[in-house]
Amino acid sequence: MRRLGFVLFALSVFCWCAAPAWSKNSAIGKTGDKAWDAFIVLQTDWTQELHDLVLKEKKEFQEIADLSYEWRLAEMKLDTLKFQYLKKNRPETIERDKGLPAFVTLAWFPDYSEKLEKADPAFHKQENKAAGLKQKVEAHKDWQGLQDYLSSLQKDEKHKKRFDDFLEEMNAVQKILAQTAADQERQRH
């Protein structure tokens, strides 16, 4: 049952990553947290691969693929800024001992945004960029078509190995998370 939950989480990450984007021109900074950084690397690599696949197999989706690619990058940068804030100011809210889905689902509240905007004006700019790109992507005429295509890949036998590899990579990130949770627990005692 637990495996099924993890597979469902991995597939939701697939759709989440596939929809939006990563750009070679602007890297996401490291946080110093092994699990978070490994997750971001996995997201960016997977999203890059899906973007390349769309451009290869569905050239008619190039415009929406590129736009959603840029949106995903903006979202990953925003999530990383939020993670860094929580790690520094509210580390108890980062759930390391409940698995990868809980770890990457950040407990974020509006007052955190206000505090972070005051401390780092780049946060507000990134928040606006991500929101603006999301609106453009969701309003695009080919958005639903791209989503349908990406969903169909999960059932396509010729792409099965890549999905299996992705699940293995998710398991590797899960192991890093479990190790960092265990290390932190030992440090507390």
N, C-alpha and C. Protein backbone atom coordinates (compact mmCIF):
# COMPACT_ATOMS: atom_id res chain seq x y z
N MET A 1 0.83 -1.19 0.00
CA MET A 1 0.00 0.00 0.00
C MET A 1 0.87 1.25 0.00
N ARG A 2 1.95 1.20 0.79
CA ARG A 2 2.85 2.34 0.86
C ARG A 2 3.52 2.60 -0.49
N ARG A 3 3.87 1.52 -1.19
CA ARG A 3 4.48 1.62 -2.52
C ARG A 3 3.52 2.31 -3.49
N LEU A 4 2.24 1.94 -3.42
CA LEU A 4 1.25 2.54 -4.29
C LEU A 4 1.16 4.04 -4.03
N GLY A 5 1.17 4.44 -2.76
CA GLY A 5 1.12 5.86 -2.43
C GLY A 5 2.32 6.60 -2.98
N PHE A 6 3.49 5.98 -2.90
CA PHE A 6 4.70 6.62 -3.41
C PHE A 6 4.64 6.73 -4.93
N VAL A 7 4.14 5.68 -5.60
CA VAL A 7 4.02 5.71 -7.06
C VAL A 7 3.06 6.81 -7.47
N LEU A 8 1.93 6.93 -6.77
CA LEU A 8 0.98 8.00 -7.08
C LEU A 8 1.62 9.37 -6.87
N PHE A 9 2.40 9.51 -5.79
CA PHE A 9 3.11 10.77 -5.56
C PHE A 9 4.08 11.04 -6.70
N ALA A 10 4.84 10.02 -7.10
CA ALA A 10 5.82 10.19 -8.18
C ALA A 10 5.14 10.60 -9.48
N LEU A 11 4.00 10.00 -9.76
CA LEU A 11 3.28 10.38 -10.98
C LEU A 11 2.74 11.79 -10.89
N SER A 12 2.32 12.21 -9.71
CA SER A 12 1.86 13.60 -9.58
C SER A 12 3.03 14.56 -9.75
N VAL A 13 4.21 14.19 -9.26
CA VAL A 13 5.40 15.01 -9.49
C VAL A 13 5.71 15.05 -10.97
N PHE A 14 5.54 13.90 -11.64
CA PHE A 14 5.75 13.86 -13.09
C PHE A 14 4.87 14.90 -13.77
N CYS A 15 3.58 14.89 -13.47
CA CYS A 15 2.68 15.84 -14.12
C CYS A 15 3.01 17.27 -13.72
N TRP A 16 3.36 17.46 -12.47
CA TRP A 16 3.72 18.78 -11.97
C TRP A 16 4.97 19.28 -12.67
N CYS A 17 5.96 18.42 -12.80
CA CYS A 17 7.21 18.79 -13.46
C CYS A 17 7.00 18.95 -14.95
N ALA A 18 6.19 18.11 -15.52
CA ALA A 18 6.04 18.11 -16.97
C ALA A 18 5.32 19.35 -17.45
N ALA A 19 4.37 19.79 -16.70
CA ALA A 19 3.59 20.92 -17.14
C ALA A 19 4.45 22.15 -17.35
N PRO A 20 5.25 22.54 -16.38
CA PRO A 20 6.05 23.74 -16.49
C PRO A 20 7.52 23.54 -16.89
N ALA A 21 8.60 24.33 -16.25
CA ALA A 21 9.88 24.37 -16.92
C ALA A 21 11.19 24.69 -16.25
N TRP A 22 12.29 24.40 -16.90
CA TRP A 22 13.66 24.64 -16.45
C TRP A 22 14.43 25.28 -17.57
N SER A 23 15.22 26.28 -17.28
CA SER A 23 15.98 26.95 -18.33
C SER A 23 17.46 26.80 -18.09
N LYS A 24 18.18 26.52 -19.15
CA LYS A 24 19.63 26.38 -19.03
C LYS A 24 20.27 27.71 -18.66
N ASN A 25 19.58 28.80 -18.88
CA ASN A 25 20.14 30.13 -18.66
C ASN A 25 20.12 30.58 -17.21
N SER A 26 19.27 29.99 -16.39
CA SER A 26 19.21 30.45 -15.00
C SER A 26 19.06 29.28 -14.05
N ALA A 27 20.15 28.94 -13.43
CA ALA A 27 20.17 27.81 -12.50
C ALA A 27 19.52 28.18 -11.18
N ILE A 28 19.01 27.17 -10.52
CA ILE A 28 18.43 27.35 -9.19
C ILE A 28 19.54 27.13 -8.19
N GLY A 29 19.68 28.07 -7.27
CA GLY A 29 20.76 27.99 -6.30
C GLY A 29 20.63 26.81 -5.35
N LYS A 30 21.74 26.35 -4.86
CA LYS A 30 21.78 25.26 -3.88
C LYS A 30 21.38 25.81 -2.51
N THR A 31 20.76 24.96 -1.71
CA THR A 31 20.33 25.36 -0.38
C THR A 31 21.25 24.83 0.71
N GLY A 32 22.08 23.87 0.36
CA GLY A 32 22.91 23.21 1.37
C GLY A 32 22.19 22.05 2.04
N ASP A 33 20.94 21.82 1.66
CA ASP A 33 20.17 20.69 2.18
C ASP A 33 20.22 19.58 1.14
N LYS A 34 20.84 18.45 1.50
CA LYS A 34 21.05 17.37 0.52
C LYS A 34 19.75 16.88 -0.10
N ALA A 35 18.74 16.68 0.71
CA ALA A 35 17.48 16.14 0.19
C ALA A 35 16.78 17.14 -0.73
N TRP A 36 16.69 18.40 -0.31
CA TRP A 36 16.03 19.41 -1.15
C TRP A 36 16.80 19.59 -2.46
N ASP A 37 18.10 19.72 -2.37
CA ASP A 37 18.91 19.94 -3.57
C ASP A 37 18.80 18.74 -4.52
N ALA A 38 18.77 17.53 -3.98
CA ALA A 38 18.61 16.33 -4.83
C ALA A 38 17.24 16.33 -5.50
N PHE A 39 16.22 16.75 -4.76
CA PHE A 39 14.88 16.81 -5.33
C PHE A 39 14.81 17.83 -6.46
N ILE A 40 15.41 18.99 -6.27
CA ILE A 40 15.40 20.03 -7.30
C ILE A 40 16.18 19.56 -8.54
N VAL A 41 17.31 18.91 -8.33
CA VAL A 41 18.07 18.38 -9.47
C VAL A 41 17.22 17.37 -10.24
N LEU A 42 16.55 16.48 -9.51
CA LEU A 42 15.68 15.50 -10.16
C LEU A 42 14.57 16.19 -10.94
N GLN A 43 13.93 17.17 -10.33
CA GLN A 43 12.87 17.91 -11.01
C GLN A 43 13.38 18.57 -12.28
N THR A 44 14.49 19.26 -12.19
CA THR A 44 14.99 19.98 -13.36
C THR A 44 15.41 19.03 -14.47
N ASP A 45 16.08 17.95 -14.10
CA ASP A 45 16.49 16.97 -15.12
C ASP A 45 15.28 16.33 -15.79
N TRP A 46 14.31 15.94 -14.99
CA TRP A 46 13.11 15.30 -15.52
C TRP A 46 12.33 16.26 -16.40
N THR A 47 12.18 17.48 -15.96
CA THR A 47 11.45 18.48 -16.73
C THR A 47 12.17 18.78 -18.04
N GLN A 48 13.49 18.86 -17.97
CA GLN A 48 14.29 19.06 -19.19
C GLN A 48 14.06 17.92 -20.17
N GLU A 49 14.07 16.70 -19.66
CA GLU A 49 13.86 15.54 -20.52
C GLU A 49 12.48 15.56 -21.17
N LEU A 50 11.47 15.89 -20.39
CA LEU A 50 10.11 15.94 -20.94
C LEU A 50 9.98 17.06 -21.96
N HIS A 51 10.59 18.20 -21.68
CA HIS A 51 10.57 19.32 -22.62
C HIS A 51 11.20 18.89 -23.94
N ASP A 52 12.36 18.27 -23.86
CA ASP A 52 13.05 17.80 -25.07
C ASP A 52 12.20 16.78 -25.83
N LEU A 53 11.54 15.90 -25.10
CA LEU A 53 10.70 14.90 -25.72
C LEU A 53 9.53 15.55 -26.46
N VAL A 54 8.90 16.53 -25.83
CA VAL A 54 7.79 17.23 -26.49
C VAL A 54 8.28 17.89 -27.77
N LEU A 55 9.43 18.56 -27.71
CA LEU A 55 9.95 19.23 -28.90
C LEU A 55 10.29 18.24 -30.01
N LYS A 56 10.69 17.04 -29.62
CA LYS A 56 11.04 16.01 -30.61
C LYS A 56 9.79 15.36 -31.22
N GLU A 57 8.81 15.04 -30.37
CA GLU A 57 7.66 14.26 -30.83
C GLU A 57 6.42 15.09 -31.17
N LYS A 58 6.31 16.27 -30.60
CA LYS A 58 5.11 17.10 -30.80
C LYS A 58 5.52 18.55 -31.07
N LYS A 59 6.12 18.77 -32.22
CA LYS A 59 6.63 20.11 -32.56
C LYS A 59 5.53 21.19 -32.51
N GLU A 60 4.29 20.79 -32.73
CA GLU A 60 3.20 21.76 -32.70
C GLU A 60 2.99 22.35 -31.29
N PHE A 61 3.57 21.72 -30.27
CA PHE A 61 3.44 22.22 -28.90
C PHE A 61 4.67 23.02 -28.45
N GLN A 62 5.53 23.41 -29.37
CA GLN A 62 6.76 24.09 -28.97
C GLN A 62 6.49 25.36 -28.16
N GLU A 63 5.58 26.19 -28.61
CA GLU A 63 5.32 27.46 -27.92
C GLU A 63 4.86 27.22 -26.48
N ILE A 64 3.88 26.35 -26.28
CA ILE A 64 3.39 26.09 -24.92
C ILE A 64 4.41 25.31 -24.11
N ALA A 65 5.17 24.44 -24.76
CA ALA A 65 6.20 23.69 -24.04
C ALA A 65 7.27 24.65 -23.51
N ASP A 66 7.69 25.59 -24.34
CA ASP A 66 8.70 26.56 -23.91
C ASP A 66 8.17 27.46 -22.79
N LEU A 67 6.94 27.91 -22.94
CA LEU A 67 6.34 28.79 -21.93
C LEU A 67 6.15 28.04 -20.61
N SER A 68 5.65 26.83 -20.69
CA SER A 68 5.44 26.07 -19.45
C SER A 68 6.77 25.68 -18.82
N TYR A 69 7.77 25.51 -19.65
CA TYR A 69 9.13 25.22 -19.19
C TYR A 69 9.66 26.38 -18.35
N GLU A 70 9.45 27.59 -18.85
CA GLU A 70 9.87 28.80 -18.12
C GLU A 70 9.09 28.94 -16.81
N TRP A 71 7.81 28.62 -16.84
CA TRP A 71 6.98 28.68 -15.63
C TRP A 71 7.50 27.71 -14.58
N ARG A 72 7.82 26.48 -15.00
CA ARG A 72 8.30 25.49 -14.03
C ARG A 72 9.58 25.95 -13.35
N LEU A 73 10.47 26.53 -14.13
CA LEU A 73 11.70 27.05 -13.54
C LEU A 73 11.39 28.12 -12.50
N ALA A 74 10.48 29.02 -12.84
CA ALA A 74 10.10 30.08 -11.90
C ALA A 74 9.50 29.48 -10.63
N GLU A 75 8.69 28.45 -10.76
CA GLU A 75 8.09 27.79 -9.59
C GLU A 75 9.15 27.11 -8.73
N MET A 76 10.12 26.46 -9.39
CA MET A 76 11.17 25.79 -8.63
C MET A 76 12.02 26.80 -7.87
N LYS A 77 12.31 27.92 -8.50
CA LYS A 77 13.07 28.97 -7.81
C LYS A 77 12.28 29.51 -6.63
N LEU A 78 11.00 29.74 -6.83
CA LEU A 78 10.14 30.24 -5.76
C LEU A 78 10.07 29.24 -4.61
N ASP A 79 9.87 27.97 -4.93
CA ASP A 79 9.83 26.94 -3.89
C ASP A 79 11.15 26.87 -3.13
N THR A 80 12.26 27.05 -3.84
CA THR A 80 13.57 27.01 -3.19
C THR A 80 13.75 28.20 -2.26
N LEU A 81 13.29 29.37 -2.66
CA LEU A 81 13.34 30.53 -1.76
C LEU A 81 12.50 30.28 -0.50
N LYS A 82 11.33 29.69 -0.69
CA LYS A 82 10.47 29.37 0.45
C LYS A 82 11.15 28.35 1.36
N PHE A 83 11.74 27.32 0.76
CA PHE A 83 12.42 26.30 1.54
C PHE A 83 13.55 26.92 2.36
N GLN A 84 14.34 27.78 1.74
CA GLN A 84 15.45 28.42 2.45
C GLN A 84 14.93 29.24 3.63
N TYR A 85 13.83 29.95 3.42
CA TYR A 85 13.24 30.74 4.50
C TYR A 85 12.81 29.83 5.65
N LEU A 86 12.10 28.76 5.32
CA LEU A 86 11.63 27.84 6.36
C LEU A 86 12.80 27.17 7.07
N LYS A 87 13.80 26.79 6.32
CA LYS A 87 14.98 26.13 6.91
C LYS A 87 15.64 27.05 7.94
N LYS A 88 15.70 28.33 7.63
CA LYS A 88 16.35 29.29 8.52
C LYS A 88 15.44 29.73 9.67
N ASN A 89 14.17 29.99 9.38
CA ASN A 89 13.27 30.61 10.35
C ASN A 89 12.25 29.68 10.99
N ARG A 90 11.88 28.62 10.32
CA ARG A 90 10.85 27.70 10.83
C ARG A 90 11.22 26.25 10.52
N PRO A 91 12.42 25.81 10.91
CA PRO A 91 12.86 24.46 10.53
C PRO A 91 11.94 23.35 11.04
N GLU A 92 11.21 23.62 12.11
CA GLU A 92 10.31 22.60 12.65
C GLU A 92 9.14 22.31 11.70
N THR A 93 8.89 23.20 10.74
CA THR A 93 7.78 22.98 9.80
C THR A 93 8.18 22.09 8.62
N ILE A 94 9.46 21.83 8.47
CA ILE A 94 9.93 20.97 7.38
C ILE A 94 9.85 19.52 7.85
N GLU A 95 9.00 18.76 7.20
CA GLU A 95 8.73 17.38 7.62
C GLU A 95 9.64 16.41 6.88
N ARG A 96 10.66 15.96 7.57
CA ARG A 96 11.63 15.04 6.97
C ARG A 96 11.31 13.58 7.27
N ASP A 97 10.54 13.34 8.31
CA ASP A 97 10.32 11.97 8.76
C ASP A 97 9.01 11.36 8.26
N LYS A 98 8.34 12.03 7.34
CA LYS A 98 7.06 11.53 6.84
C LYS A 98 7.08 11.24 5.35
N GLY A 99 8.28 11.15 4.79
CA GLY A 99 8.40 10.82 3.37
C GLY A 99 8.51 12.03 2.47
N LEU A 100 8.86 11.75 1.23
CA LEU A 100 9.10 12.81 0.25
C LEU A 100 7.89 13.69 -0.02
N PRO A 101 6.68 13.12 -0.14
CA PRO A 101 5.52 13.99 -0.39
C PRO A 101 5.34 15.06 0.70
N ALA A 102 5.49 14.68 1.95
CA ALA A 102 5.35 15.65 3.04
C ALA A 102 6.50 16.65 3.04
N PHE A 103 7.69 16.18 2.72
CA PHE A 103 8.88 17.03 2.72
C PHE A 103 8.76 18.15 1.69
N VAL A 104 8.32 17.84 0.49
CA VAL A 104 8.29 18.85 -0.57
C VAL A 104 7.01 19.69 -0.57
N THR A 105 6.04 19.31 0.28
CA THR A 105 4.84 20.12 0.42
C THR A 105 5.09 21.10 1.56
N LEU A 106 5.52 22.28 1.21
CA LEU A 106 5.93 23.26 2.22
C LEU A 106 4.71 23.89 2.89
N ALA A 107 4.76 23.98 4.21
CA ALA A 107 3.71 24.66 4.97
C ALA A 107 3.99 26.16 4.86
N TRP A 108 3.27 26.82 3.97
CA TRP A 108 3.55 28.23 3.68
C TRP A 108 2.32 29.07 3.97
N PHE A 109 2.52 30.18 4.67
CA PHE A 109 1.42 31.06 5.05
C PHE A 109 1.70 32.48 4.57
N PRO A 110 0.65 33.28 4.34
CA PRO A 110 0.85 34.64 3.83
C PRO A 110 1.81 35.49 4.66
N ASP A 111 1.80 35.31 5.98
CA ASP A 111 2.71 36.13 6.78
C ASP A 111 4.17 35.77 6.52
N TYR A 112 4.44 34.52 6.10
CA TYR A 112 5.81 34.16 5.73
C TYR A 112 6.21 34.95 4.48
N SER A 113 5.28 35.06 3.53
CA SER A 113 5.57 35.82 2.31
C SER A 113 5.90 37.27 2.65
N GLU A 114 5.10 37.86 3.53
CA GLU A 114 5.34 39.25 3.92
C GLU A 114 6.72 39.42 4.56
N LYS A 115 7.07 38.52 5.45
CA LYS A 115 8.38 38.60 6.11
C LYS A 115 9.51 38.40 5.12
N LEU A 116 9.34 37.45 4.22
CA LEU A 116 10.40 37.18 3.24
C LEU A 116 10.54 38.33 2.25
N GLU A 117 9.43 38.94 1.86
CA GLU A 117 9.49 40.10 0.95
C GLU A 117 10.28 41.24 1.58
N LYS A 118 10.10 41.44 2.88
CA LYS A 118 10.85 42.50 3.57
C LYS A 118 12.33 42.17 3.64
N ALA A 119 12.64 40.92 3.86
CA ALA A 119 14.04 40.50 3.99
C ALA A 119 14.73 40.36 2.64
N ASP A 120 13.98 39.99 1.62
CA ASP A 120 14.57 39.72 0.30
C ASP A 120 13.59 40.17 -0.79
N PRO A 121 13.79 41.38 -1.32
CA PRO A 121 12.89 41.90 -2.36
C PRO A 121 12.82 41.00 -3.60
N ALA A 122 13.82 40.19 -3.83
CA ALA A 122 13.81 39.28 -4.99
C ALA A 122 12.68 38.25 -4.87
N PHE A 123 12.26 37.96 -3.63
CA PHE A 123 11.19 36.99 -3.44
C PHE A 123 9.90 37.48 -4.08
N HIS A 124 9.54 38.73 -3.83
CA HIS A 124 8.30 39.30 -4.39
C HIS A 124 8.36 39.29 -5.92
N LYS A 125 9.50 39.63 -6.46
CA LYS A 125 9.68 39.63 -7.91
C LYS A 125 9.49 38.21 -8.46
N GLN A 126 10.07 37.23 -7.79
CA GLN A 126 9.95 35.84 -8.23
C GLN A 126 8.52 35.34 -8.10
N GLU A 127 7.86 35.74 -7.03
CA GLU A 127 6.46 35.36 -6.82
C GLU A 127 5.58 35.89 -7.95
N ASN A 128 5.79 37.15 -8.32
CA ASN A 128 5.03 37.75 -9.42
C ASN A 128 5.34 37.09 -10.75
N LYS A 129 6.61 36.79 -10.97
CA LYS A 129 7.01 36.14 -12.22
C LYS A 129 6.32 34.78 -12.36
N ALA A 130 6.36 33.98 -11.30
CA ALA A 130 5.74 32.65 -11.34
C ALA A 130 4.23 32.76 -11.57
N ALA A 131 3.59 33.69 -10.88
CA ALA A 131 2.14 33.85 -11.03
C ALA A 131 1.77 34.32 -12.44
N GLY A 132 2.55 35.25 -12.99
CA GLY A 132 2.29 35.73 -14.34
C GLY A 132 2.47 34.64 -15.39
N LEU A 133 3.52 33.85 -15.24
CA LEU A 133 3.75 32.76 -16.18
C LEU A 133 2.65 31.70 -16.07
N LYS A 134 2.22 31.44 -14.86
CA LYS A 134 1.15 30.45 -14.67
C LYS A 134 -0.12 30.89 -15.41
N GLN A 135 -0.46 32.16 -15.31
CA GLN A 135 -1.64 32.67 -16.01
C GLN A 135 -1.50 32.51 -17.52
N LYS A 136 -0.32 32.84 -18.04
CA LYS A 136 -0.09 32.71 -19.49
C LYS A 136 -0.21 31.25 -19.94
N VAL A 137 0.39 30.37 -19.16
CA VAL A 137 0.37 28.94 -19.52
C VAL A 137 -1.06 28.42 -19.50
N GLU A 138 -1.78 28.69 -18.43
CA GLU A 138 -3.13 28.15 -18.30
C GLU A 138 -4.10 28.74 -19.31
N ALA A 139 -3.81 29.94 -19.82
CA ALA A 139 -4.68 30.57 -20.82
C ALA A 139 -4.30 30.18 -22.25
N HIS A 140 -3.18 29.52 -22.42
CA HIS A 140 -2.69 29.19 -23.76
C HIS A 140 -3.61 28.17 -24.44
N LYS A 141 -3.83 28.35 -25.72
CA LYS A 141 -4.75 27.49 -26.48
C LYS A 141 -4.32 26.02 -26.51
N ASP A 142 -3.03 25.75 -26.38
CA ASP A 142 -2.53 24.37 -26.45
C ASP A 142 -2.23 23.75 -25.08
N TRP A 143 -2.58 24.44 -24.00
CA TRP A 143 -2.27 23.94 -22.66
C TRP A 143 -2.90 22.57 -22.40
N GLN A 144 -4.18 22.44 -22.68
CA GLN A 144 -4.86 21.16 -22.44
C GLN A 144 -4.28 20.07 -23.32
N GLY A 145 -3.97 20.39 -24.55
CA GLY A 145 -3.38 19.41 -25.45
C GLY A 145 -2.04 18.91 -24.95
N LEU A 146 -1.21 19.82 -24.42
CA LEU A 146 0.08 19.42 -23.87
C LEU A 146 -0.12 18.52 -22.66
N GLN A 147 -1.03 18.89 -21.79
CA GLN A 147 -1.30 18.06 -20.61
C GLN A 147 -1.78 16.66 -21.01
N ASP A 148 -2.67 16.60 -21.99
CA ASP A 148 -3.17 15.31 -22.45
C ASP A 148 -2.03 14.47 -23.03
N TYR A 149 -1.18 15.10 -23.81
CA TYR A 149 -0.05 14.37 -24.40
C TYR A 149 0.87 13.83 -23.30
N LEU A 150 1.21 14.68 -22.34
CA LEU A 150 2.12 14.24 -21.27
C LEU A 150 1.50 13.12 -20.44
N SER A 151 0.21 13.19 -20.20
CA SER A 151 -0.47 12.12 -19.46
C SER A 151 -0.44 10.81 -20.25
N SER A 152 -0.56 10.90 -21.56
CA SER A 152 -0.56 9.69 -22.39
C SER A 152 0.80 8.99 -22.38
N LEU A 153 1.86 9.73 -22.11
CA LEU A 153 3.20 9.13 -22.09
C LEU A 153 3.33 8.06 -21.02
N GLN A 154 2.62 8.22 -19.92
CA GLN A 154 2.70 7.25 -18.83
C GLN A 154 2.26 5.86 -19.27
N LYS A 155 1.38 5.80 -20.25
CA LYS A 155 0.83 4.52 -20.71
C LYS A 155 1.55 3.99 -21.94
N ASP A 156 2.45 4.77 -22.48
CA ASP A 156 3.14 4.43 -23.72
C ASP A 156 4.30 3.47 -23.42
N GLU A 157 4.25 2.30 -24.01
CA GLU A 157 5.26 1.26 -23.76
C GLU A 157 6.67 1.73 -24.11
N LYS A 158 6.81 2.54 -25.15
CA LYS A 158 8.16 2.96 -25.55
C LYS A 158 8.80 3.92 -24.53
N HIS A 159 7.99 4.49 -23.65
CA HIS A 159 8.53 5.40 -22.62
C HIS A 159 8.55 4.76 -21.23
N LYS A 160 8.14 3.50 -21.13
CA LYS A 160 8.03 2.82 -19.84
C LYS A 160 9.35 2.80 -19.06
N LYS A 161 10.46 2.50 -19.73
CA LYS A 161 11.74 2.43 -19.05
C LYS A 161 12.09 3.77 -18.41
N ARG A 162 11.84 4.86 -19.11
CA ARG A 162 12.16 6.18 -18.55
C ARG A 162 11.34 6.45 -17.30
N PHE A 163 10.09 6.03 -17.29
CA PHE A 163 9.26 6.22 -16.10
C PHE A 163 9.75 5.35 -14.95
N ASP A 164 10.17 4.13 -15.27
CA ASP A 164 10.74 3.26 -14.24
C ASP A 164 12.02 3.88 -13.67
N ASP A 165 12.85 4.44 -14.55
CA ASP A 165 14.07 5.11 -14.09
C ASP A 165 13.74 6.30 -13.19
N PHE A 166 12.70 7.04 -13.58
CA PHE A 166 12.28 8.19 -12.79
C PHE A 166 11.86 7.75 -11.38
N LEU A 167 11.11 6.66 -11.30
CA LEU A 167 10.69 6.15 -9.99
C LEU A 167 11.90 5.72 -9.16
N GLU A 168 12.89 5.13 -9.80
CA GLU A 168 14.13 4.77 -9.09
C GLU A 168 14.83 6.01 -8.56
N GLU A 169 14.87 7.05 -9.38
CA GLU A 169 15.50 8.30 -8.95
C GLU A 169 14.73 8.92 -7.79
N MET A 170 13.41 8.83 -7.82
CA MET A 170 12.60 9.33 -6.70
C MET A 170 12.92 8.54 -5.44
N ASN A 171 13.10 7.24 -5.58
CA ASN A 171 13.47 6.41 -4.43
C ASN A 171 14.83 6.81 -3.88
N ALA A 172 15.76 7.17 -4.75
CA ALA A 172 17.09 7.61 -4.30
C ALA A 172 16.97 8.91 -3.50
N VAL A 173 16.13 9.84 -3.96
CA VAL A 173 15.91 11.08 -3.20
C VAL A 173 15.25 10.76 -1.87
N GLN A 174 14.32 9.82 -1.86
CA GLN A 174 13.66 9.40 -0.62
C GLN A 174 14.69 8.87 0.37
N LYS A 175 15.67 8.10 -0.11
CA LYS A 175 16.72 7.57 0.76
C LYS A 175 17.58 8.69 1.34
N ILE A 176 17.90 9.68 0.52
CA ILE A 176 18.67 10.83 1.02
C ILE A 176 17.88 11.53 2.11
N LEU A 177 16.59 11.72 1.88
CA LEU A 177 15.73 12.35 2.88
C LEU A 177 15.70 11.55 4.17
N ALA A 178 15.54 10.24 4.06
CA ALA A 178 15.51 9.38 5.26
C ALA A 178 16.82 9.47 6.02
N GLN A 179 17.93 9.51 5.30
CA GLN A 179 19.24 9.61 5.94
C GLN A 179 19.40 10.95 6.66
N THR A 180 18.99 12.04 6.01
CA THR A 180 19.12 13.35 6.68
C THR A 180 18.19 13.44 7.89
N ALA A 181 17.01 12.83 7.80
CA ALA A 181 16.10 12.81 8.95
C ALA A 181 16.73 12.04 10.10
N ALA A 182 17.33 10.89 9.79
CA ALA A 182 17.99 10.09 10.83
C ALA A 182 19.18 10.83 11.43
N ASP A 183 19.96 11.50 10.60
CA ASP A 183 21.11 12.28 11.08
C ASP A 183 20.66 13.39 12.02
N GLN A 184 19.59 14.08 11.64
CA GLN A 184 19.09 15.16 12.50
C GLN A 184 18.56 14.62 13.82
N GLU A 185 17.91 13.49 13.77
CA GLU A 185 17.39 12.88 15.00
C GLU A 185 18.54 12.50 15.94
N ARG A 186 19.61 11.94 15.39
CA ARG A 186 20.78 11.59 16.21
C ARG A 186 21.41 12.84 16.82
N GLN A 187 21.45 13.93 16.09
CA GLN A 187 22.04 15.17 16.60
C GLN A 187 21.22 15.74 17.76
N ARG A 188 19.92 15.50 17.75
CA ARG A 188 19.06 16.01 18.83
C ARG A 188 19.28 15.27 20.13
N HIS A 189 19.77 14.03 20.04
CA HIS A 189 19.92 13.21 21.27
C HIS A 189 21.33 13.15 21.72
